[in-house]
PDB file of N, CA and C in Angstrom:
ATOM      1  N   MET A   1     -18.805 192.709 138.461  1.00  0.00           N
ATOM      2  CA  MET A   1     -17.773 193.532 139.052  1.00  0.00           C
ATOM      3  C   MET A   1     -16.414 192.901 138.759  1.00  0.00           C
ATOM      4  N   THR A   2     -15.468 193.728 138.380  1.00  0.00           N
ATOM      5  CA  THR A   2     -14.123 193.251 138.073  1.00  0.00           C
ATOM      6  C   THR A   2     -13.264 193.337 139.317  1.00  0.00           C
ATOM      7  N   GLU A   3     -12.643 192.222 139.661  1.00  0.00           N
ATOM      8  CA  GLU A   3     -11.733 192.222 140.798  1.00  0.00           C
ATOM      9  C   GLU A   3     -10.382 192.739 140.356  1.00  0.00           C
ATOM     10  N   ARG A   4      -9.784 193.518 141.197  1.00  0.00           N
ATOM     11  CA  ARG A   4      -8.445 194.050 140.898  1.00  0.00           C
ATOM     12  C   ARG A   4      -7.401 193.024 141.304  1.00  0.00           C
ATOM     13  N   LEU A   5      -6.493 192.721 140.373  1.00  0.00           N
ATOM     14  CA  LEU A   5      -5.435 191.765 140.654  1.00  0.00           C
ATOM     15  C   LEU A   5      -4.318 192.436 141.429  1.00  0.00           C
ATOM     16  N   ASN A   6      -3.855 191.788 142.449  1.00  0.00           N
ATOM     17  CA  ASN A   6      -2.755 192.307 143.254  1.00  0.00           C
ATOM     18  C   ASN A   6      -1.780 191.170 143.534  1.00  0.00           C
ATOM     19  N   PRO A   7      -0.971 190.799 142.522  1.00  0.00           N
ATOM     20  CA  PRO A   7      -0.056 189.662 142.731  1.00  0.00           C
ATOM     21  C   PRO A   7       1.022 190.012 143.746  1.00  0.00           C
ATOM     22  N   GLN A   8       1.415 189.010 144.478  1.00  0.00           N
ATOM     23  CA  GLN A   8       2.508 189.177 145.433  1.00  0.00           C
ATOM     24  C   GLN A   8       3.811 188.870 144.707  1.00  0.00           C
ATOM     25  N   LEU A   9       4.579 189.903 144.442  1.00  0.00           N
ATOM     26  CA  LEU A   9       5.843 189.741 143.732  1.00  0.00           C
ATOM     27  C   LEU A   9       6.973 189.595 144.742  1.00  0.00           C
ATOM     28  N   ARG A  10       7.902 188.709 144.408  1.00  0.00           N
ATOM     29  CA  ARG A  10       9.071 188.544 145.271  1.00  0.00           C
ATOM     30  C   ARG A  10      10.264 188.166 144.400  1.00  0.00           C
ATOM     31  N   GLN A  11      11.420 188.560 144.830  1.00  0.00           N
ATOM     32  CA  GLN A  11      12.646 188.231 144.114  1.00  0.00           C
ATOM     33  C   GLN A  11      13.073 186.824 144.499  1.00  0.00           C
ATOM     34  N   VAL A  12      13.473 186.066 143.498  1.00  0.00           N
ATOM     35  CA  VAL A  12      13.967 184.724 143.771  1.00  0.00           C
ATOM     36  C   VAL A  12      15.455 184.675 143.449  1.00  0.00           C
ATOM     37  N   GLU A  13      16.150 183.806 144.137  1.00  0.00           N
ATOM     38  CA  GLU A  13      17.586 183.669 143.921  1.00  0.00           C
ATOM     39  C   GLU A  13      17.836 182.826 142.684  1.00  0.00           C
ATOM     40  N   GLY A  14      19.019 183.004 142.081  1.00  0.00           N
ATOM     41  CA  GLY A  14      19.406 182.207 140.938  1.00  0.00           C
ATOM     42  C   GLY A  14      19.417 183.022 139.657  1.00  0.00           C
ATOM     43  N   GLN A  15      19.780 182.362 138.595  1.00  0.00           N
ATOM     44  CA  GLN A  15      19.878 182.994 137.283  1.00  0.00           C
ATOM     45  C   GLN A  15      18.791 182.446 136.369  1.00  0.00           C
ATOM     46  N   PRO A  16      18.225 183.298 135.512  1.00  0.00           N
ATOM     47  CA  PRO A  16      17.249 182.776 134.554  1.00  0.00           C
ATOM     48  C   PRO A  16      17.957 181.866 133.549  1.00  0.00           C
ATOM     49  N   PRO A  17      17.231 180.942 132.952  1.00  0.00           N
ATOM     50  CA  PRO A  17      17.863 180.072 131.951  1.00  0.00           C
ATOM     51  C   PRO A  17      18.316 180.890 130.751  1.00  0.00           C
ATOM     52  N   MET A  18      19.480 180.554 130.221  1.00  0.00           N
ATOM     53  CA  MET A  18      20.019 181.253 129.062  1.00  0.00           C
ATOM     54  C   MET A  18      19.740 180.428 127.805  1.00  0.00           C
ATOM     55  N   PRO A  19      19.155 181.056 126.776  1.00  0.00           N
ATOM     56  CA  PRO A  19      18.912 180.305 125.539  1.00  0.00           C
ATOM     57  C   PRO A  19      20.227 179.960 124.844  1.00  0.00           C
ATOM     58  N   SER A  20      20.208 178.854 124.127  1.00  0.00           N
ATOM     59  CA  SER A  20      21.384 178.437 123.363  1.00  0.00           C
ATOM     60  C   SER A  20      21.536 179.329 122.133  1.00  0.00           C
ATOM     61  N   ASP A  21      22.665 179.228 121.454  1.00  0.00           N
ATOM     62  CA  ASP A  21      22.886 180.006 120.234  1.00  0.00           C
ATOM     63  C   ASP A  21      21.828 179.674 119.180  1.00  0.00           C
ATOM     64  N   ASP A  22      21.480 178.391 119.064  1.00  0.00           N
ATOM     65  CA  ASP A  22      20.450 177.994 118.095  1.00  0.00           C
ATOM     66  C   ASP A  22      19.096 178.602 118.450  1.00  0.00           C
ATOM     67  N   GLU A  23      18.765 178.612 119.736  1.00  0.00           N
ATOM     68  CA  GLU A  23      17.500 179.209 120.169  1.00  0.00           C
ATOM     69  C   GLU A  23      17.486 180.716 119.905  1.00  0.00           C
ATOM     70  N   LEU A  24      18.605 181.395 120.168  1.00  0.00           N
ATOM     71  CA  LEU A  24      18.685 182.831 119.896  1.00  0.00           C
ATOM     72  C   LEU A  24      18.526 183.118 118.407  1.00  0.00           C
ATOM     73  N   THR A  25      19.138 182.290 117.569  1.00  0.00           N
ATOM     74  CA  THR A  25      18.997 182.451 116.123  1.00  0.00           C
ATOM     75  C   THR A  25      17.541 182.287 115.710  1.00  0.00           C
ATOM     76  N   ASN A  26      16.877 181.281 116.254  1.00  0.00           N
ATOM     77  CA  ASN A  26      15.458 181.072 115.937  1.00  0.00           C
ATOM     78  C   ASN A  26      14.599 182.246 116.384  1.00  0.00           C
ATOM     79  N   ILE A  27      14.858 182.764 117.569  1.00  0.00           N
ATOM     80  CA  ILE A  27      14.112 183.920 118.082  1.00  0.00           C
ATOM     81  C   ILE A  27      14.320 185.124 117.168  1.00  0.00           C
ATOM     82  N   ALA A  28      15.571 185.362 116.753  1.00  0.00           N
ATOM     83  CA  ALA A  28      15.876 186.495 115.877  1.00  0.00           C
ATOM     84  C   ALA A  28      15.176 186.356 114.530  1.00  0.00           C
ATOM     85  N   GLU A  29      15.121 185.136 113.983  1.00  0.00           N
ATOM     86  CA  GLU A  29      14.448 184.916 112.698  1.00  0.00           C
ATOM     87  C   GLU A  29      12.945 185.163 112.810  1.00  0.00           C
ATOM     88  N   VAL A  30      12.340 184.699 113.880  1.00  0.00           N
ATOM     89  CA  VAL A  30      10.900 184.927 114.077  1.00  0.00           C
ATOM     90  C   VAL A  30      10.626 186.421 114.204  1.00  0.00           C
ATOM     91  N   TYR A  31      11.437 187.128 114.994  1.00  0.00           N
ATOM     92  CA  TYR A  31      11.264 188.577 115.155  1.00  0.00           C
ATOM     93  C   TYR A  31      11.404 189.288 113.815  1.00  0.00           C
ATOM     94  N   ALA A  32      12.442 188.937 113.073  1.00  0.00           N
ATOM     95  CA  ALA A  32      12.683 189.589 111.783  1.00  0.00           C
ATOM     96  C   ALA A  32      11.521 189.350 110.827  1.00  0.00           C
ATOM     97  N   ASN A  33      11.018 188.131 110.774  1.00  0.00           N
ATOM     98  CA  ASN A  33       9.893 187.835 109.887  1.00  0.00           C
ATOM     99  C   ASN A  33       8.619 188.553 110.317  1.00  0.00           C
ATOM    100  N   ALA A  34       8.415 188.672 111.612  1.00  0.00           N
ATOM    101  CA  ALA A  34       7.194 189.302 112.115  1.00  0.00           C
ATOM    102  C   ALA A  34       7.187 190.818 111.910  1.00  0.00           C
ATOM    103  N   PHE A  35       8.343 191.471 112.044  1.00  0.00           N
ATOM    104  CA  PHE A  35       8.369 192.926 112.054  1.00  0.00           C
ATOM    105  C   PHE A  35       9.080 193.560 110.864  1.00  0.00           C
ATOM    106  N   ALA A  36       9.401 192.780 109.844  1.00  0.00           N
ATOM    107  CA  ALA A  36      10.094 193.328 108.675  1.00  0.00           C
ATOM    108  C   ALA A  36       9.179 194.179 107.803  1.00  0.00           C
ATOM    109  N   GLY A  37       7.921 193.845 107.748  1.00  0.00           N
ATOM    110  CA  GLY A  37       6.993 194.539 106.855  1.00  0.00           C
ATOM    111  C   GLY A  37       6.301 195.720 107.499  1.00  0.00           C
ATOM    112  N   GLU A  38       5.359 196.276 106.745  1.00  0.00           N
ATOM    113  CA  GLU A  38       4.562 197.399 107.238  1.00  0.00           C
ATOM    114  C   GLU A  38       3.756 196.959 108.450  1.00  0.00           C
ATOM    115  N   PRO A  39       3.521 197.787 109.376  1.00  0.00           N
ATOM    116  CA  PRO A  39       3.937 199.191 109.462  1.00  0.00           C
ATOM    117  C   PRO A  39       5.271 199.390 110.164  1.00  0.00           C
ATOM    118  N   TRP A  40       5.919 198.301 110.605  1.00  0.00           N
ATOM    119  CA  TRP A  40       7.118 198.443 111.426  1.00  0.00           C
ATOM    120  C   TRP A  40       8.380 198.678 110.618  1.00  0.00           C
ATOM    121  N   ASN A  41       8.564 197.960 109.525  1.00  0.00           N
ATOM    122  CA  ASN A  41       9.778 198.078 108.699  1.00  0.00           C
ATOM    123  C   ASN A  41      11.056 197.879 109.495  1.00  0.00           C
ATOM    124  N   GLU A  42      11.049 196.983 110.448  1.00  0.00           N
ATOM    125  CA  GLU A  42      12.236 196.715 111.267  1.00  0.00           C
ATOM    126  C   GLU A  42      13.073 195.625 110.622  1.00  0.00           C
ATOM    127  N   PHE A  43      13.632 195.935 109.470  1.00  0.00           N
ATOM    128  CA  PHE A  43      14.433 194.963 108.726  1.00  0.00           C
ATOM    129  C   PHE A  43      15.901 195.345 108.769  1.00  0.00           C
ATOM    130  N   THR A  44      16.195 196.578 108.396  1.00  0.00           N
ATOM    131  CA  THR A  44      17.548 197.115 108.536  1.00  0.00           C
ATOM    132  C   THR A  44      17.443 198.424 109.314  1.00  0.00           C
ATOM    133  N   TRP A  45      18.575 198.895 109.819  1.00  0.00           N
ATOM    134  CA  TRP A  45      18.604 200.036 110.738  1.00  0.00           C
ATOM    135  C   TRP A  45      19.747 200.962 110.376  1.00  0.00           C
ATOM    136  N   CYS A  46      19.486 202.267 110.397  1.00  0.00           N
ATOM    137  CA  CYS A  46      20.528 203.275 110.229  1.00  0.00           C
ATOM    138  C   CYS A  46      20.852 203.830 111.607  1.00  0.00           C
ATOM    139  N   LYS A  47      22.086 203.611 112.061  1.00  0.00           N
ATOM    140  CA  LYS A  47      22.485 204.097 113.381  1.00  0.00           C
ATOM    141  C   LYS A  47      22.497 205.623 113.436  1.00  0.00           C
ATOM    142  N   ALA A  48      22.941 206.270 112.355  1.00  0.00           N
ATOM    143  CA  ALA A  48      23.052 207.728 112.340  1.00  0.00           C
ATOM    144  C   ALA A  48      21.676 208.391 112.396  1.00  0.00           C
ATOM    145  N   GLU A  49      20.734 207.876 111.618  1.00  0.00           N
ATOM    146  CA  GLU A  49      19.385 208.455 111.586  1.00  0.00           C
ATOM    147  C   GLU A  49      18.474 207.893 112.674  1.00  0.00           C
ATOM    148  N   GLU A  50      18.909 206.786 113.288  1.00  0.00           N
ATOM    149  CA  GLU A  50      18.079 206.070 114.252  1.00  0.00           C
ATOM    150  C   GLU A  50      16.718 205.760 113.631  1.00  0.00           C
ATOM    151  N   LYS A  51      16.780 205.117 112.450  1.00  0.00           N
ATOM    152  CA  LYS A  51      15.581 204.853 111.667  1.00  0.00           C
ATOM    153  C   LYS A  51      15.639 203.446 111.085  1.00  0.00           C
ATOM    154  N   PHE A  52      14.489 202.794 111.050  1.00  0.00           N
ATOM    155  CA  PHE A  52      14.371 201.488 110.423  1.00  0.00           C
ATOM    156  C   PHE A  52      14.045 201.632 108.948  1.00  0.00           C
ATOM    157  N   TYR A  53      14.479 200.647 108.164  1.00  0.00           N
ATOM    158  CA  TYR A  53      14.117 200.533 106.756  1.00  0.00           C
ATOM    159  C   TYR A  53      13.514 199.153 106.534  1.00  0.00           C
ATOM    160  N   GLY A  54      12.688 199.014 105.537  1.00  0.00           N
ATOM    161  CA  GLY A  54      11.939 197.790 105.285  1.00  0.00           C
ATOM    162  C   GLY A  54      12.701 196.722 104.522  1.00  0.00           C
ATOM    163  N   PRO A  55      11.988 195.620 104.187  1.00  0.00           N
ATOM    164  CA  PRO A  55      12.621 194.458 103.570  1.00  0.00           C
ATOM    165  C   PRO A  55      13.088 194.682 102.135  1.00  0.00           C
ATOM    166  N   GLU A  56      12.825 195.836 101.556  1.00  0.00           N
ATOM    167  CA  GLU A  56      13.346 196.132 100.218  1.00  0.00           C
ATOM    168  C   GLU A  56      14.828 196.505 100.271  1.00  0.00           C
ATOM    169  N   THR A  57      15.387 196.606 101.477  1.00  0.00           N
ATOM    170  CA  THR A  57      16.790 196.973 101.656  1.00  0.00           C
ATOM    171  C   THR A  57      17.623 195.738 101.993  1.00  0.00           C
ATOM    172  N   GLU A  58      18.920 195.892 101.878  1.00  0.00           N
ATOM    173  CA  GLU A  58      19.883 194.845 102.249  1.00  0.00           C
ATOM    174  C   GLU A  58      20.879 195.433 103.235  1.00  0.00           C
ATOM    175  N   ILE A  59      21.435 194.588 104.074  1.00  0.00           N
ATOM    176  CA  ILE A  59      22.490 195.047 104.981  1.00  0.00           C
ATOM    177  C   ILE A  59      23.636 195.586 104.140  1.00  0.00           C
ATOM    178  N   GLY A  60      24.115 196.779 104.487  1.00  0.00           N
ATOM    179  CA  GLY A  60      25.200 197.416 103.750  1.00  0.00           C
ATOM    180  C   GLY A  60      24.714 198.431 102.737  1.00  0.00           C
ATOM    181  N   ASP A  61      23.409 198.407 102.365  1.00  0.00           N
ATOM    182  CA  ASP A  61      22.870 199.432 101.474  1.00  0.00           C
ATOM    183  C   ASP A  61      23.075 200.798 102.100  1.00  0.00           C
ATOM    184  N   LYS A  62      23.151 201.829 101.268  1.00  0.00           N
ATOM    185  CA  LYS A  62      23.248 203.195 101.766  1.00  0.00           C
ATOM    186  C   LYS A  62      21.853 203.718 102.076  1.00  0.00           C
ATOM    187  N   CYS A  63      21.721 204.375 103.207  1.00  0.00           N
ATOM    188  CA  CYS A  63      20.435 204.962 103.577  1.00  0.00           C
ATOM    189  C   CYS A  63      20.421 206.437 103.170  1.00  0.00           C
ATOM    190  N   ASN A  64      19.413 207.165 103.592  1.00  0.00           N
ATOM    191  CA  ASN A  64      19.261 208.572 103.211  1.00  0.00           C
ATOM    192  C   ASN A  64      20.445 209.438 103.634  1.00  0.00           C
ATOM    193  N   CYS A  65      21.077 209.115 104.741  1.00  0.00           N
ATOM    194  CA  CYS A  65      22.192 209.955 105.212  1.00  0.00           C
ATOM    195  C   CYS A  65      23.521 209.498 104.636  1.00  0.00           C
ATOM    196  N   GLY A  66      23.540 208.357 103.896  1.00  0.00           N
ATOM    197  CA  GLY A  66      24.755 207.899 103.253  1.00  0.00           C
ATOM    198  C   GLY A  66      25.562 206.866 104.005  1.00  0.00           C
ATOM    199  N   THR A  67      25.153 206.571 105.241  1.00  0.00           N
ATOM    200  CA  THR A  67      25.864 205.523 105.979  1.00  0.00           C
ATOM    201  C   THR A  67      25.290 204.172 105.613  1.00  0.00           C
ATOM    202  N   GLY A  68      25.952 203.128 105.969  1.00  0.00           N
ATOM    203  CA  GLY A  68      25.467 201.780 105.641  1.00  0.00           C
ATOM    204  C   GLY A  68      24.425 201.291 106.620  1.00  0.00           C
ATOM    205  N   LEU A  69      23.472 200.530 106.102  1.00  0.00           N
ATOM    206  CA  LEU A  69      22.438 199.937 106.935  1.00  0.00           C
ATOM    207  C   LEU A  69      22.971 198.677 107.609  1.00  0.00           C
ATOM    208  N   VAL A  70      22.529 198.434 108.797  1.00  0.00           N
ATOM    209  CA  VAL A  70      22.913 197.235 109.533  1.00  0.00           C
ATOM    210  C   VAL A  70      21.662 196.418 109.846  1.00  0.00           C
ATOM    211  N   ALA A  71      21.859 195.199 110.297  1.00  0.00           N
ATOM    212  CA  ALA A  71      20.731 194.353 110.674  1.00  0.00           C
ATOM    213  C   ALA A  71      19.985 195.010 111.816  1.00  0.00           C
ATOM    214  N   ALA A  72      18.679 194.917 111.773  1.00  0.00           N
ATOM    215  CA  ALA A  72      17.846 195.517 112.825  1.00  0.00           C
ATOM    216  C   ALA A  72      17.979 194.755 114.107  1.00  0.00           C
TER     217      ALA A  72
END
């Protein structure tokens, strides 16, 4: 028989730790490497189309609608 988990959640005071700029850069690099390829293609992004493009693109390339791609 599976027991149902019922954690007691409560709000705690204070602020969560903020990552440093170096840590944020590392997190962004890991994310980009993990999701750049198929099936996600989260490498570059078209704001107008709200669509991701894969690692065959570069930031600033023109997408299907003609606007420039930005970093995902």
